[in-house]
Amino acid sequence: MLANGEAGAQPGLIKDTTTQGFRQDVIAESMQQPVLVDFWAPWCGPCKQLTPVIEKAVKDAKGKVKLVKMNIDEHPQIAGQLGIQSIPAVIAFSQGQPVDGFMGAQPESQVKAFIEKLAGPVGPGEAQQLVEAAQEALAQGDAAGASELFAGALEMEPEHLGAIAGLARLHLDTGDIEAAKGILAMASEAKAQDPVIAAVRAAVELAEQAAALGDTAELEAQVAAEPKNHQARFDLALALNARDRREEAVDHLIAIIRADRGWNEDGARKQLLQFFEAWGPMDEASVAGRRKLSALLFS
């Protein structure tokens, strides 16, 4: 594996420059392919957010563009000449001239679109290709093959969120909650709130809750004997979800909300929303459950 996570990246795609080196690193190089100049400073928080995003996008472009980084604290002259007043600022040079740019931290999709506008379509990176292959393997029922592919993606890109989420969910599906938690811990604090990671983390939390509840039969009997026992019904919903009986789990939580919206500080509704997060917004049970919840709350 190459250093700094640059698996498969061409050497020289990303470099730092100086005022003296700008003419060669940017003006001359932009005669061959577009060069993105990232003006940044060590004290700039948004610059730190943009760095991994733009570096990944440039690597994924596989030589169609280059990235040159300029610390404006050490080398302010070029930024001043270009009229840059806030950072991060990215200016694209082509044929020796500035042709486009953007300011502020941007999501990966926007940075990729910016590069494609300059250099044409950019395919997925190697890590993303492995993740897509892993998802295809899962669709065909090959969990072992998917696990190897997700692991391979993480070898190339240790913080690939799709690979982290996919591998963690595979462990969760086998009942290895601790292993799933360990995989999720690979996501940095900055990326831990991404919806892809949050969904798996919610599923892990639900699995931990359900593990302490035991068999559903006893809970079902208790609810049948005491229909107004909201705690027993709540626990039953968790246990049913753990057994993939999602529609029934939703119905029990809806029953609690209908009977006593304020029970346990609106606990049934909050639990229902956690179900939706763990299942994913387009899951059939999530869509149907949201309809039932909306019908109850807004009718």
Protein backbone atom coordinates (compact mmCIF):
# COMPACT_ATOMS: atom_id res chain seq x y z
CA MET A 1 0.00 0.00 0.00
CA LEU A 2 1.32 3.46 -0.83
CA ALA A 3 2.04 6.02 1.82
CA ASN A 4 -0.52 8.58 2.98
CA GLY A 5 -3.39 6.55 1.57
CA GLU A 6 -2.42 7.33 -2.05
CA ALA A 7 -3.19 3.84 -3.29
CA GLY A 8 -3.23 3.88 -7.05
CA ALA A 9 -2.60 7.64 -7.22
CA GLN A 10 -0.12 9.00 -9.75
CA PRO A 11 2.95 10.66 -8.20
CA GLY A 12 3.13 14.45 -8.46
CA LEU A 13 -0.62 15.03 -8.56
CA ILE A 14 -0.54 17.02 -5.31
CA LYS A 15 2.23 19.32 -4.13
CA ASP A 16 2.95 22.48 -2.16
CA THR A 17 4.37 25.53 -3.88
CA THR A 18 5.96 28.88 -3.13
CA THR A 19 5.86 32.31 -4.71
CA GLN A 20 9.05 31.45 -6.57
CA GLY A 21 7.76 28.05 -7.68
CA PHE A 22 4.33 29.25 -8.81
CA ARG A 23 5.31 29.91 -12.42
CA GLN A 24 6.61 26.36 -12.95
CA ASP A 25 4.17 24.49 -10.71
CA VAL A 26 1.04 26.26 -11.93
CA ILE A 27 1.51 28.35 -15.07
CA ALA A 28 3.74 25.88 -16.91
CA GLU A 29 1.98 22.75 -15.67
CA SER A 30 -1.44 24.12 -16.65
CA MET A 31 -0.34 24.00 -20.28
CA GLN A 32 -0.59 20.19 -19.97
CA GLN A 33 -3.73 19.80 -17.83
CA PRO A 34 -5.79 22.02 -15.51
CA VAL A 35 -4.12 22.85 -12.20
CA LEU A 36 -6.16 23.64 -9.10
CA VAL A 37 -4.48 26.06 -6.71
CA ASP A 38 -5.71 25.70 -3.11
CA PHE A 39 -4.98 28.86 -1.11
CA TRP A 40 -5.02 27.99 2.58
CA ALA A 41 -3.56 28.80 6.01
CA PRO A 42 -2.88 26.69 9.10
CA TRP A 43 -5.37 28.64 11.24
CA CYS A 44 -8.25 28.17 8.77
CA GLY A 45 -10.80 25.60 9.96
CA PRO A 46 -12.72 25.29 6.67
CA CYS A 47 -9.38 24.76 4.90
CA LYS A 48 -8.84 21.66 7.02
CA GLN A 49 -12.30 20.41 6.05
CA LEU A 50 -11.65 20.96 2.34
CA THR A 51 -8.17 19.37 2.23
CA PRO A 52 -9.15 15.66 2.36
CA VAL A 53 -12.11 16.27 0.05
CA ILE A 54 -10.20 18.02 -2.71
CA GLU A 55 -7.20 15.68 -2.43
CA LYS A 56 -9.45 12.64 -2.84
CA ALA A 57 -11.22 14.21 -5.83
CA VAL A 58 -7.90 14.97 -7.52
CA LYS A 59 -6.62 11.43 -6.93
CA ASP A 60 -9.87 10.02 -8.31
CA ALA A 61 -9.39 12.11 -11.47
CA LYS A 62 -6.23 10.04 -12.19
CA GLY A 63 -4.09 12.73 -13.76
CA LYS A 64 -6.75 14.81 -15.48
CA VAL A 65 -5.99 17.65 -13.04
CA LYS A 66 -3.26 18.50 -10.57
CA LEU A 67 -3.52 20.19 -7.18
CA VAL A 68 -1.05 22.80 -5.97
CA LYS A 69 -1.36 24.09 -2.41
CA MET A 70 -0.19 27.53 -1.33
CA ASN A 71 0.05 28.65 2.31
CA ILE A 72 -0.90 32.32 2.16
CA ASP A 73 0.68 33.06 5.55
CA GLU A 74 4.08 32.14 4.12
CA HIS A 75 3.39 33.19 0.52
CA PRO A 76 0.76 35.99 0.39
CA GLN A 77 1.86 37.66 -2.85
CA ILE A 78 0.04 35.46 -5.41
CA ALA A 79 -3.21 35.46 -3.43
CA GLY A 80 -3.01 39.25 -3.22
CA GLN A 81 -2.46 39.56 -6.96
CA LEU A 82 -5.51 37.39 -7.61
CA GLY A 83 -7.64 39.44 -5.22
CA ILE A 84 -8.34 36.56 -2.83
CA GLN A 85 -9.82 37.95 0.37
CA SER A 86 -11.10 34.80 2.12
CA ILE A 87 -9.98 31.19 2.30
CA PRO A 88 -10.14 28.42 1.44
CA ALA A 89 -10.12 29.60 -2.15
CA VAL A 90 -9.49 27.29 -5.09
CA ILE A 91 -8.55 28.80 -8.45
CA ALA A 92 -8.30 26.61 -11.56
CA PHE A 93 -5.62 27.44 -14.13
CA SER A 94 -5.66 26.18 -17.71
CA GLN A 95 -3.29 27.18 -20.53
CA GLY A 96 -1.51 29.49 -18.12
CA GLN A 97 -4.63 31.47 -17.16
CA PRO A 98 -7.10 31.40 -14.23
CA VAL A 99 -10.35 30.07 -15.67
CA ASP A 100 -12.63 29.17 -12.75
CA GLY A 101 -12.74 28.82 -8.98
CA PHE A 102 -14.72 28.52 -5.79
CA MET A 103 -14.47 29.64 -2.17
CA GLY A 104 -15.22 27.86 1.07
CA ALA A 105 -15.33 24.20 2.03
CA GLN A 106 -17.42 22.19 -0.44
CA PRO A 107 -18.83 18.65 -0.32
CA GLU A 108 -17.14 15.96 -2.39
CA SER A 109 -19.92 15.95 -4.99
CA GLN A 110 -19.46 19.66 -5.68
CA VAL A 111 -15.68 19.38 -5.91
CA LYS A 112 -16.01 16.45 -8.31
CA ALA A 113 -18.48 18.43 -10.44
CA PHE A 114 -16.03 21.36 -10.50
CA ILE A 115 -13.24 19.08 -11.74
CA GLU A 116 -15.48 17.44 -14.35
CA LYS A 117 -16.43 20.89 -15.64
CA LEU A 118 -12.73 21.51 -16.25
CA ALA A 119 -11.50 18.11 -17.37
CA GLY A 120 -14.46 15.97 -18.38
CA PRO A 121 -16.12 13.01 -16.65
CA VAL A 122 -14.27 11.42 -13.74
CA GLY A 123 -15.00 7.82 -12.83
CA PRO A 124 -15.16 6.51 -9.28
CA GLY A 125 -11.89 5.96 -7.43
CA GLU A 126 -10.50 2.47 -6.94
CA ALA A 127 -11.82 2.26 -3.39
CA GLN A 128 -15.30 3.26 -4.54
CA GLN A 129 -15.17 0.66 -7.30
CA LEU A 130 -14.44 -2.02 -4.69
CA VAL A 131 -17.32 -0.79 -2.53
CA GLU A 132 -19.69 -0.97 -5.49
CA ALA A 133 -18.44 -4.50 -6.23
CA ALA A 134 -19.01 -5.41 -2.59
CA GLN A 135 -22.58 -4.13 -2.75
CA GLU A 136 -23.15 -6.21 -5.88
CA ALA A 137 -21.73 -9.27 -4.10
CA LEU A 138 -24.15 -8.68 -1.22
CA ALA A 139 -27.06 -8.45 -3.64
CA GLN A 140 -26.05 -11.90 -4.92
CA GLY A 141 -25.82 -13.30 -1.39
CA ASP A 142 -22.03 -13.47 -1.24
CA ALA A 143 -21.34 -11.98 2.20
CA ALA A 144 -17.81 -13.40 2.39
CA GLY A 145 -16.85 -11.89 -0.95
CA ALA A 146 -18.40 -8.57 0.04
CA SER A 147 -16.42 -8.57 3.28
CA GLU A 148 -13.14 -9.03 1.38
CA LEU A 149 -14.02 -6.24 -1.04
CA PHE A 150 -14.99 -3.81 1.72
CA ALA A 151 -11.73 -4.63 3.53
CA GLY A 152 -9.80 -4.05 0.30
CA ALA A 153 -11.43 -0.64 -0.10
CA LEU A 154 -10.38 0.28 3.43
CA GLU A 155 -6.81 -0.76 2.63
CA MET A 156 -6.82 1.84 -0.12
CA GLU A 157 -8.85 4.49 1.67
CA PRO A 158 -9.04 3.97 5.47
CA GLU A 159 -11.89 6.46 5.92
CA HIS A 160 -14.10 5.46 3.00
CA LEU A 161 -17.50 5.81 4.66
CA GLY A 162 -19.25 3.35 2.37
CA ALA A 163 -16.67 0.67 3.14
CA ILE A 164 -16.78 1.36 6.89
CA ALA A 165 -20.57 1.23 6.95
CA GLY A 166 -20.75 -1.86 4.74
CA LEU A 167 -18.22 -3.86 6.74
CA ALA A 168 -19.75 -2.80 10.07
CA ARG A 169 -23.21 -3.86 8.94
CA LEU A 170 -21.86 -7.23 7.81
CA HIS A 171 -20.49 -7.82 11.31
CA LEU A 172 -23.77 -6.67 12.80
CA ASP A 173 -25.72 -9.10 10.61
CA THR A 174 -23.65 -11.96 12.04
CA GLY A 175 -24.39 -10.82 15.59
CA ASP A 176 -20.88 -9.52 16.28
CA ILE A 177 -21.87 -6.18 17.78
CA GLU A 178 -18.43 -5.40 19.22
CA ALA A 179 -16.72 -5.94 15.86
CA ALA A 180 -19.27 -3.65 14.21
CA LYS A 181 -18.56 -0.95 16.80
CA GLY A 182 -14.84 -1.35 16.21
CA ILE A 183 -15.26 -0.82 12.46
CA LEU A 184 -17.44 2.26 13.00
CA ALA A 185 -14.70 3.73 15.20
CA MET A 186 -12.54 3.96 12.07
CA ALA A 187 -14.57 7.00 10.97
CA SER A 188 -13.06 10.23 12.25
CA GLU A 189 -15.05 12.44 14.58
CA ALA A 190 -15.67 14.87 11.73
CA LYS A 191 -17.26 12.12 9.60
CA ALA A 192 -19.03 10.21 12.37
CA GLN A 193 -22.25 12.18 11.85
CA ASP A 194 -22.47 11.34 8.15
CA PRO A 195 -25.88 9.71 7.47
CA VAL A 196 -24.21 6.54 6.13
CA ILE A 197 -22.35 6.02 9.41
CA ALA A 198 -25.20 7.29 11.60
CA ALA A 199 -27.58 4.69 10.13
CA VAL A 200 -25.30 1.78 11.03
CA ARG A 201 -24.57 3.25 14.46
CA ALA A 202 -28.32 3.46 15.10
CA ALA A 203 -28.67 -0.18 14.05
CA VAL A 204 -25.87 -1.16 16.46
CA GLU A 205 -27.59 0.69 19.31
CA LEU A 206 -30.85 -1.09 18.55
CA ALA A 207 -29.09 -4.46 18.49
CA GLU A 208 -27.53 -3.75 21.88
CA GLN A 209 -30.90 -2.82 23.33
CA ALA A 210 -32.58 -5.90 21.88
CA ALA A 211 -29.84 -8.24 23.11
CA ALA A 212 -30.87 -7.53 26.69
CA LEU A 213 -34.55 -8.27 26.13
CA GLY A 214 -34.51 -11.99 25.42
CA ASP A 215 -37.23 -13.87 23.54
CA THR A 216 -40.28 -12.13 22.14
CA ALA A 217 -42.77 -14.76 23.30
CA GLU A 218 -42.66 -13.65 26.93
CA LEU A 219 -43.03 -10.00 25.95
CA GLU A 220 -45.91 -10.78 23.60
CA ALA A 221 -47.67 -12.64 26.39
CA GLN A 222 -47.13 -9.73 28.77
CA VAL A 223 -48.52 -7.20 26.28
CA ALA A 224 -51.53 -9.43 25.61
CA ALA A 225 -52.22 -9.64 29.34
CA GLU A 226 -51.54 -5.94 30.00
CA PRO A 227 -52.35 -3.90 26.88
CA LYS A 228 -51.67 -0.64 28.74
CA ASN A 229 -48.19 -1.69 29.83
CA HIS A 230 -46.31 0.71 27.58
CA GLN A 231 -42.87 -0.38 28.73
CA ALA A 232 -43.58 -4.01 27.84
CA ARG A 233 -44.94 -2.93 24.44
CA PHE A 234 -41.89 -0.70 23.89
CA ASP A 235 -39.53 -3.58 24.72
CA LEU A 236 -41.50 -5.85 22.43
CA ALA A 237 -41.06 -3.38 19.56
CA LEU A 238 -37.29 -3.46 20.08
CA ALA A 239 -37.25 -7.25 20.18
CA LEU A 240 -39.39 -7.53 17.05
CA ASN A 241 -37.13 -5.15 15.17
CA ALA A 242 -34.10 -7.26 16.11
CA ARG A 243 -35.86 -10.19 14.42
CA ASP A 244 -36.60 -8.09 11.32
CA ARG A 245 -40.33 -7.95 12.08
CA ARG A 246 -40.34 -4.27 11.25
CA GLU A 247 -44.01 -3.67 10.51
CA GLU A 248 -45.05 -5.19 13.83
CA ALA A 249 -42.42 -3.14 15.66
CA VAL A 250 -43.78 0.04 14.09
CA ASP A 251 -47.35 -0.84 14.98
CA HIS A 252 -46.53 -1.36 18.66
CA LEU A 253 -44.79 2.01 18.91
CA ILE A 254 -47.66 3.69 17.07
CA ALA A 255 -50.02 2.11 19.61
CA ILE A 256 -48.07 3.71 22.46
CA ILE A 257 -48.07 7.12 20.77
CA ARG A 258 -51.80 6.86 20.16
CA ALA A 259 -52.49 5.96 23.78
CA ASP A 260 -50.07 8.36 25.47
CA ARG A 261 -47.94 10.66 23.32
CA GLY A 262 -46.04 11.97 26.35
CA TRP A 263 -45.10 8.56 27.76
CA ASN A 264 -41.42 8.36 28.72
CA GLU A 265 -40.79 11.88 27.39
CA ASP A 266 -42.11 11.06 23.91
CA GLY A 267 -39.96 7.92 23.96
CA ALA A 268 -42.05 5.88 21.52
CA ARG A 269 -41.87 8.50 18.77
CA LYS A 270 -38.13 8.99 19.32
CA GLN A 271 -37.59 5.24 19.11
CA LEU A 272 -39.59 5.09 15.91
CA LEU A 273 -37.36 7.76 14.37
CA GLN A 274 -34.30 5.74 15.36
CA PHE A 275 -35.80 2.75 13.57
CA PHE A 276 -36.21 4.84 10.42
CA GLU A 277 -32.60 6.04 10.65
CA ALA A 278 -31.28 2.50 11.10
CA TRP A 279 -33.38 1.06 8.27
CA GLY A 280 -32.69 3.90 5.84
CA PRO A 281 -35.11 6.55 4.55
CA MET A 282 -36.22 4.57 1.49
CA ASP A 283 -36.74 1.23 3.23
CA GLU A 284 -40.34 0.03 2.77
CA ALA A 285 -40.88 -0.18 6.53
CA SER A 286 -39.54 3.36 6.99
CA VAL A 287 -41.82 4.77 4.29
CA ALA A 288 -44.88 2.94 5.64
CA GLY A 289 -44.00 3.82 9.23
CA ARG A 290 -43.64 7.51 8.46
CA ARG A 291 -47.05 7.48 6.81
CA LYS A 292 -48.60 5.93 9.92
CA LEU A 293 -46.83 8.38 12.19
CA SER A 294 -47.85 11.38 10.08
CA ALA A 295 -51.45 10.18 9.91
CA LEU A 296 -51.51 9.91 13.70
CA LEU A 297 -49.80 13.22 14.49
CA PHE A 298 -51.40 15.44 11.85
CA SER A 299 -54.86 13.99 11.36
